[in-house]
Protein backbone atom coordinates (compact mmCIF):
# COMPACT_ATOMS: atom_id res chain seq x y z
CA MET A 1 62.64 26.46 11.62
CA LEU A 2 60.71 27.70 8.61
CA ARG A 3 60.10 31.44 8.44
CA THR A 4 56.48 32.33 9.13
CA LEU A 5 54.77 34.83 6.84
CA GLU A 6 51.18 33.75 7.51
CA THR A 7 49.22 31.34 9.68
CA VAL A 8 50.66 27.86 9.10
CA LEU A 9 50.73 24.42 10.67
CA GLU A 10 54.30 23.22 10.46
CA ILE A 11 54.52 19.43 10.39
CA ASP A 12 57.83 17.82 11.33
CA LEU A 13 58.14 14.40 9.70
CA ASN A 14 61.43 13.80 11.50
CA ALA A 15 59.51 14.06 14.79
CA LEU A 16 56.98 11.57 13.41
CA GLU A 17 59.80 9.14 12.66
CA HIS A 18 61.18 9.61 16.17
CA ASN A 19 57.79 8.85 17.73
CA TYR A 20 57.25 5.80 15.54
CA ASN A 21 60.68 4.41 16.44
CA TYR A 22 60.09 5.05 20.15
CA LEU A 23 56.75 3.23 20.12
CA ARG A 24 58.12 0.42 17.97
CA SER A 25 60.94 -0.07 20.47
CA LYS A 26 58.31 -1.13 23.02
CA LEU A 27 57.13 -4.02 20.84
CA LYS A 28 58.25 -7.54 20.20
CA PRO A 29 59.94 -7.98 16.80
CA LYS A 30 56.96 -9.79 15.25
CA THR A 31 54.26 -7.43 16.56
CA LYS A 32 52.64 -5.50 13.71
CA PHE A 33 52.08 -1.74 13.94
CA LEU A 34 48.89 -0.01 12.83
CA GLY A 35 49.08 3.74 12.34
CA VAL A 36 45.83 5.58 13.03
CA VAL A 37 45.52 8.41 10.49
CA LYS A 38 41.84 9.29 10.85
CA ALA A 39 40.70 12.92 11.08
CA TYR A 40 43.39 14.15 8.66
CA ALA A 41 45.99 12.30 10.74
CA TYR A 42 44.85 14.03 13.91
CA GLY A 43 44.58 17.40 12.23
CA SER A 44 47.87 17.35 10.33
CA ASP A 45 47.89 15.79 6.82
CA ALA A 46 46.80 12.18 6.39
CA ASN A 47 48.40 11.71 2.98
CA LYS A 48 51.85 12.98 3.98
CA ILE A 49 51.75 11.19 7.33
CA ALA A 50 50.67 7.87 5.80
CA GLN A 51 53.29 8.11 3.06
CA LYS A 52 56.00 8.65 5.66
CA LEU A 53 54.74 5.84 7.89
CA GLU A 54 54.45 3.44 4.98
CA ALA A 55 58.07 4.17 4.10
CA LEU A 56 59.04 3.54 7.74
CA GLY A 57 57.43 0.09 7.69
CA VAL A 58 53.96 0.43 9.23
CA GLU A 59 51.99 -2.71 8.36
CA TYR A 60 48.44 -1.33 8.63
CA PHE A 61 46.53 1.92 8.70
CA ALA A 62 43.19 2.86 10.23
CA VAL A 63 40.72 5.60 9.40
CA ALA A 64 37.27 6.31 10.80
CA TYR A 65 35.26 6.51 7.57
CA ALA A 66 35.51 5.13 4.06
CA LYS A 67 36.12 8.48 2.36
CA GLU A 68 39.28 8.91 4.43
CA GLY A 69 40.54 5.56 3.17
CA VAL A 70 39.65 6.43 -0.42
CA ALA A 71 41.75 9.60 -0.14
CA LEU A 72 44.72 7.53 1.06
CA ARG A 73 44.36 5.15 -1.88
CA LYS A 74 44.33 8.12 -4.26
CA ALA A 75 47.52 9.32 -2.55
CA GLY A 76 49.18 6.01 -3.42
CA ILE A 77 48.98 4.17 -0.09
CA LYS A 78 49.24 0.42 -0.72
CA LYS A 79 49.19 -1.08 2.78
CA PRO A 80 45.93 -2.45 4.22
CA ILE A 81 43.56 0.22 5.53
CA MET A 82 40.98 -0.59 8.19
CA VAL A 83 37.80 1.49 8.37
CA LEU A 84 36.86 1.69 12.04
CA HIS A 85 33.33 3.05 11.73
CA PRO A 86 32.04 2.12 8.27
CA GLN A 87 28.57 3.14 7.14
CA PRO A 88 26.49 0.89 4.87
CA ILE A 89 25.99 3.64 2.27
CA ASN A 90 29.75 3.50 1.60
CA PHE A 91 30.19 -0.27 1.39
CA ASP A 92 30.45 -0.45 -2.43
CA GLU A 93 33.04 2.35 -2.50
CA LEU A 94 34.87 0.69 0.38
CA ILE A 95 35.11 -2.58 -1.56
CA ASN A 96 36.12 -0.84 -4.79
CA ASN A 97 39.08 0.70 -2.95
CA ARG A 98 40.02 -2.50 -1.11
CA LEU A 99 39.40 -1.00 2.32
CA GLU A 100 38.80 -3.38 5.22
CA PRO A 101 35.75 -2.76 7.42
CA SER A 102 35.37 -3.14 11.14
CA LEU A 103 32.13 -5.07 11.63
CA TYR A 104 30.64 -4.26 15.00
CA SER A 105 26.99 -5.37 15.06
CA PRO A 106 24.71 -8.03 13.56
CA LYS A 107 23.16 -5.40 11.29
CA ILE A 108 26.51 -4.22 9.93
CA LEU A 109 27.65 -7.82 9.49
CA ARG A 110 24.58 -8.69 7.41
CA GLU A 111 24.71 -5.53 5.34
CA PHE A 112 28.39 -5.86 4.55
CA TYR A 113 27.96 -9.49 3.59
CA GLU A 114 25.24 -8.46 1.13
CA ALA A 115 27.54 -5.80 -0.31
CA ALA A 116 30.37 -8.32 -0.70
CA LYS A 117 28.00 -10.74 -2.43
CA ARG A 118 26.66 -8.01 -4.70
CA ASN A 119 30.22 -7.13 -5.69
CA ASN A 120 31.16 -10.77 -6.36
CA GLN A 121 33.78 -10.89 -3.63
CA GLU A 122 35.46 -13.97 -2.23
CA LYS A 123 37.11 -14.03 1.20
CA TYR A 124 36.97 -10.25 1.55
CA PRO A 125 38.91 -9.35 4.74
CA VAL A 126 36.81 -8.02 7.61
CA HIS A 127 37.65 -7.23 11.23
CA LEU A 128 35.34 -8.19 14.09
CA LYS A 129 35.10 -5.50 16.74
CA PHE A 130 34.07 -6.66 20.21
CA ASN A 131 32.90 -4.43 23.05
CA THR A 132 34.77 -5.33 26.23
CA GLY A 133 33.82 -2.32 28.32
CA LEU A 134 34.12 0.91 26.34
CA ASN A 135 30.44 0.57 25.38
CA ARG A 136 30.81 2.52 22.17
CA LEU A 137 30.89 0.08 19.24
CA GLY A 138 31.25 -3.68 19.14
CA PHE A 139 29.64 -7.09 19.26
CA ARG A 140 28.89 -8.51 22.67
CA GLU A 141 30.49 -11.69 23.92
CA ASN A 142 27.21 -13.56 23.47
CA ASP A 143 27.15 -12.59 19.76
CA VAL A 144 29.97 -15.00 18.92
CA GLN A 145 27.72 -17.93 18.07
CA TYR A 146 25.46 -15.72 15.95
CA ILE A 147 28.50 -14.51 13.96
CA ILE A 148 29.78 -18.04 13.42
CA ASP A 149 26.37 -19.34 12.37
CA TYR A 150 25.81 -16.42 10.00
CA LEU A 151 29.19 -16.77 8.29
CA ASP A 152 29.01 -20.54 8.00
CA GLY A 153 29.14 -21.45 4.33
CA ARG A 154 29.37 -17.84 3.18
CA ASN A 155 32.72 -17.49 1.44
CA GLU A 156 32.25 -13.88 0.36
CA VAL A 157 33.92 -12.59 3.54
CA MET A 158 36.77 -13.79 5.74
CA VAL A 159 37.57 -12.83 9.32
CA ALA A 160 41.01 -11.21 9.14
CA SER A 161 41.24 -10.02 12.73
CA ILE A 162 39.49 -9.82 16.07
CA PHE A 163 39.92 -6.66 18.12
CA SER A 164 38.64 -4.46 20.90
CA HIS A 165 39.44 -1.07 22.38
CA LEU A 166 40.60 -0.21 25.89
CA ALA A 167 38.62 2.40 27.79
CA ALA A 168 41.16 3.65 30.35
CA SER A 169 44.62 2.34 29.48
CA ASP A 170 46.16 5.70 30.47
CA ASP A 171 44.63 5.70 33.97
CA THR A 172 46.64 3.82 36.59
CA ASN A 173 43.62 3.93 38.89
CA GLU A 174 41.72 1.75 36.41
CA ARG A 175 44.20 -1.12 36.12
CA THR A 176 41.70 -3.65 37.46
CA PHE A 177 39.11 -2.60 34.86
CA THR A 178 41.68 -2.71 32.06
CA GLN A 179 42.87 -6.16 33.12
CA GLN A 180 39.25 -7.31 33.01
CA GLN A 181 39.00 -5.99 29.46
CA ILE A 182 42.15 -7.87 28.47
CA THR A 183 40.87 -11.09 30.03
CA THR A 184 37.47 -10.73 28.36
CA PHE A 185 39.11 -10.10 24.99
CA GLU A 186 41.34 -13.16 25.34
CA LYS A 187 38.29 -15.30 26.09
CA ILE A 188 36.31 -13.96 23.12
CA ALA A 189 39.23 -14.30 20.71
CA LYS A 190 39.87 -17.88 21.78
CA GLU A 191 36.21 -18.78 21.29
CA VAL A 192 36.07 -17.20 17.83
CA ASP A 193 39.23 -18.99 16.69
CA GLN A 194 37.95 -22.32 17.95
CA LYS A 195 34.61 -21.96 16.22
CA ILE A 196 35.88 -20.72 12.85
CA GLY A 197 38.57 -23.37 12.89
CA ARG A 198 41.58 -21.12 12.27
CA THR A 199 43.56 -18.34 13.91
CA SER A 200 42.85 -14.70 13.09
CA PHE A 201 45.26 -12.01 14.17
CA LYS A 202 44.35 -9.99 17.23
CA HIS A 203 44.85 -6.42 18.41
CA LEU A 204 43.78 -4.50 21.49
CA LEU A 205 46.35 -1.90 22.55
CA ASN A 206 46.22 1.81 21.82
CA THR A 207 49.09 4.23 22.52
CA SER A 208 48.72 4.15 26.31
CA GLY A 209 48.20 0.40 26.16
CA ILE A 210 51.52 -0.02 24.36
CA ILE A 211 53.22 1.79 27.21
CA ASN A 212 51.30 0.37 30.17
CA TYR A 213 50.24 -3.14 29.09
CA PRO A 214 52.99 -4.52 26.83
CA GLU A 215 52.02 -8.07 27.81
CA ALA A 216 48.80 -7.63 25.81
CA GLN A 217 50.43 -6.87 22.45
CA PHE A 218 48.89 -9.90 20.75
CA ASP A 219 49.64 -9.70 17.00
CA MET A 220 49.34 -5.97 16.39
CA VAL A 221 49.02 -2.65 18.21
CA ARG A 222 47.29 0.54 17.13
CA SER A 223 48.73 4.00 17.76
CA GLY A 224 47.23 7.37 17.02
CA ILE A 225 48.05 10.17 19.45
CA GLY A 226 51.49 8.75 20.26
CA LEU A 227 52.60 9.11 16.66
CA TYR A 228 51.71 12.79 16.83
CA GLY A 229 53.75 13.40 19.97
CA PHE A 230 51.54 12.82 23.01
CA GLY A 231 51.45 9.88 25.40
CA ASN A 232 48.77 10.84 27.94
CA ASP A 233 51.51 10.88 30.56
CA LYS A 234 54.12 13.54 31.30
CA LYS A 235 56.93 10.97 31.43
CA ILE A 236 55.98 9.57 28.04
CA ASP A 237 55.39 13.05 26.60
CA ALA A 238 59.02 13.79 27.46
CA GLU A 239 60.10 10.88 25.25
CA LEU A 240 57.96 11.96 22.29
CA LYS A 241 58.12 14.97 20.00
CA PRO A 242 55.00 16.90 18.93
CA ILE A 243 54.96 16.84 15.14
CA ALA A 244 52.84 19.97 14.68
CA THR A 245 53.58 23.61 15.45
CA LEU A 246 50.81 26.15 14.85
CA LYS A 247 52.31 29.52 13.98
CA THR A 248 51.02 32.89 12.93
CA ILE A 249 52.22 36.50 12.77
CA ILE A 250 51.39 39.87 14.27
CA SER A 251 49.20 41.78 11.81
CA GLN A 252 48.89 45.00 13.79
CA LEU A 253 49.87 46.53 17.12
CA HIS A 254 47.56 48.88 19.04
CA LYS A 255 48.25 51.21 21.94
CA ILE A 256 45.28 50.96 24.31
CA GLU A 257 44.47 53.61 26.88
CA PRO A 258 42.87 52.99 30.29
CA ASP A 259 39.22 51.89 30.11
CA GLU A 260 39.35 51.19 26.36
CA SER A 261 37.78 47.94 25.26
CA VAL A 262 39.01 45.31 22.80
CA GLY A 263 36.94 43.10 20.52
CA TYR A 264 33.33 42.00 20.28
CA ASN A 265 30.96 42.79 23.14
CA ARG A 266 33.76 44.78 24.79
CA ALA A 267 34.76 41.60 26.58
CA TYR A 268 38.13 43.09 27.55
CA THR A 269 38.57 46.52 29.15
CA SER A 270 42.05 47.83 29.77
CA ASP A 271 43.08 48.58 33.36
CA GLY A 272 45.86 50.87 32.15
CA TYR A 273 48.04 51.68 29.18
CA ARG A 274 48.47 48.43 27.25
CA THR A 275 49.83 47.23 23.92
CA THR A 276 47.79 44.66 22.02
CA ALA A 277 48.58 42.61 18.93
CA THR A 278 46.06 41.28 16.43
CA LEU A 279 46.80 37.86 14.92
CA PRO A 280 45.30 36.36 11.71
CA ILE A 281 43.82 33.24 13.29
CA GLY A 282 40.46 32.61 14.95
CA HIS A 283 37.72 30.16 15.70
CA ALA A 284 37.32 29.32 11.99
CA ASP A 285 40.88 28.00 12.18
CA GLY A 286 40.30 25.89 15.27
CA ILE A 287 41.04 28.29 18.12
CA GLY A 288 37.64 28.38 19.77
CA ARG A 289 36.06 31.14 21.81
CA GLN A 290 36.77 29.16 24.97
CA TYR A 291 40.41 30.24 24.70
CA GLY A 292 39.62 33.95 24.92
CA ASN A 293 39.40 36.33 27.86
CA SER A 294 42.84 35.49 29.29
CA LYS A 295 42.17 31.75 29.48
CA ALA A 296 44.98 30.83 27.05
CA PHE A 297 48.45 32.14 26.28
CA VAL A 298 50.57 32.17 23.12
CA ASN A 299 54.33 32.49 22.70
CA VAL A 300 55.73 35.81 21.48
CA LYS A 301 59.54 36.01 21.42
CA GLY A 302 59.75 33.47 24.23
CA HIS A 303 57.18 35.25 26.41
CA LEU A 304 53.64 34.03 27.07
CA ALA A 305 51.01 36.57 26.07
CA PRO A 306 47.35 36.13 27.04
CA ILE A 307 44.55 36.06 24.48
CA ILE A 308 42.29 38.97 25.47
CA GLY A 309 38.67 39.62 24.65
CA ASN A 310 36.51 37.25 22.62
CA VAL A 311 38.12 35.13 19.93
CA CYS A 312 36.84 36.30 16.52
CA MET A 313 36.20 34.14 13.47
CA ASP A 314 39.47 35.10 11.79
CA MET A 315 41.43 36.98 14.47
CA ILE A 316 42.54 36.94 18.06
CA MET A 317 43.98 39.78 20.10
CA ILE A 318 46.75 39.30 22.62
CA ASP A 319 48.34 41.51 25.27
CA VAL A 320 51.99 42.16 24.38
CA THR A 321 52.64 44.93 26.89
CA ASN A 322 56.32 44.73 27.94
CA ILE A 323 57.15 42.30 25.11
CA ASP A 324 59.58 43.70 22.54
CA CYS A 325 57.81 42.80 19.29
CA LYS A 326 56.72 44.35 16.01
CA GLU A 327 54.22 43.80 13.21
CA GLY A 328 55.21 40.78 11.14
CA ASP A 329 56.86 38.94 14.05
CA GLU A 330 56.18 35.24 14.51
CA VAL A 331 53.79 33.96 17.20
CA ILE A 332 53.60 30.33 18.34
CA ILE A 333 50.08 29.20 19.24
CA PHE A 334 51.26 25.73 20.21
CA GLY A 335 54.34 23.61 19.56
CA GLU A 336 57.09 23.24 22.12
CA ASN A 337 55.94 26.06 24.43
CA PRO A 338 53.09 25.86 24.98
CA THR A 339 52.53 22.31 23.75
CA ALA A 340 49.16 21.41 22.30
CA GLU A 341 48.40 19.55 25.53
CA GLU A 342 49.25 22.63 27.60
CA PHE A 343 47.31 24.96 25.33
CA ALA A 344 44.28 22.65 25.39
CA SER A 345 44.42 22.52 29.19
CA PHE A 346 43.84 26.29 29.30
CA ALA A 347 40.28 25.55 28.16
CA ASN A 348 39.93 22.34 30.20
CA THR A 349 40.09 20.08 27.15
CA ILE A 350 42.65 17.67 25.64
CA SER A 351 45.22 17.77 22.85
CA TYR A 352 43.09 15.44 20.68
CA GLU A 353 40.29 18.00 20.43
CA LEU A 354 42.62 20.91 19.76
CA ILE A 355 44.82 19.38 17.08
CA THR A 356 42.05 17.62 15.18
CA GLY A 357 40.13 20.89 15.06
CA ILE A 358 42.74 22.87 13.13
CA SER A 359 40.93 24.03 10.01
CA GLN A 360 41.91 22.80 6.58
CA ARG A 361 42.22 26.44 5.49
CA VAL A 362 45.39 26.69 7.58
CA LYS A 363 48.34 26.12 5.25
CA ARG A 364 50.45 23.02 5.99
CA LEU A 365 54.24 23.21 5.70
CA TYR A 366 56.56 20.22 6.05
CA LYS A 367 59.97 19.49 7.51
CA GLY A 368 61.91 16.29 6.97
CA ILE A 369 60.22 15.11 3.77
């Protein structure tokens, strides 16, 4: 482990490789793997993560917005990059960086075609996103004929893939709904292929889908959270390794007497003689106020210490009474114990929200480069 002298997010690229190999082991040999690296690779470091995954053999990447894809190109990423939620204002930049858009509505289809034409493109690869039940983004099933008619004779763009997104692949109580999504997607994909006169590659599964619905691999799968160490299931979590450990140090210890308060608005009042530690991390770093007032715990020398009082912008205070510690000692916010999933659960949220919210001002350190 790297010695902690300040607040850092330690990123273990060996753990990333382990997770990738585990997920890949669930696939057929010819199934392609798309690594989702949007939101700074789920709060870690998109450039370093993508470089490692490209070296491991990932065939595709996905980001949410064009600027994320542009950053990857500047970092030297060569593999295809899909933009899942492209905005028309970025279409020229998207094309200039050879990013591949997800087209999800008649409006976006028309506007991207015009951008491709304006930029003198021929057979620019696009991906048709269909809504099969998530009701977030995507063409409807009855849009297929419109798409075919619109693209007929327009050689500026080419349908590279057809895809959709599962709404509840992690929930065993929703198997019937998920199977309906799979069936609907199969029907749509077959109709599109028949009408365009060739076969486009298809993808549907996310991380939980890879685990729970391997029969629906099609030509490619997409994994985000699984790569970062979480499988939305305790059994799968045990097989994966969280890649990120958020660490900080004790800046100062205080001896608190009975009835003394700690922090803003006197949110904590001591019920006796206590020892508190102040840590250089706060809600500006991604540890929101919802974790304060004894809701969440951090790891000090193997002991869980509650966050007391209100979380400040740059600091939190913890109760270290009966923990043998000193100023400068390391504190684990999340990592192995508690995990990001466990820490997030203290505030009734999920690991996705916690890890993607870690501020870019937190220094990133790397293991296994």
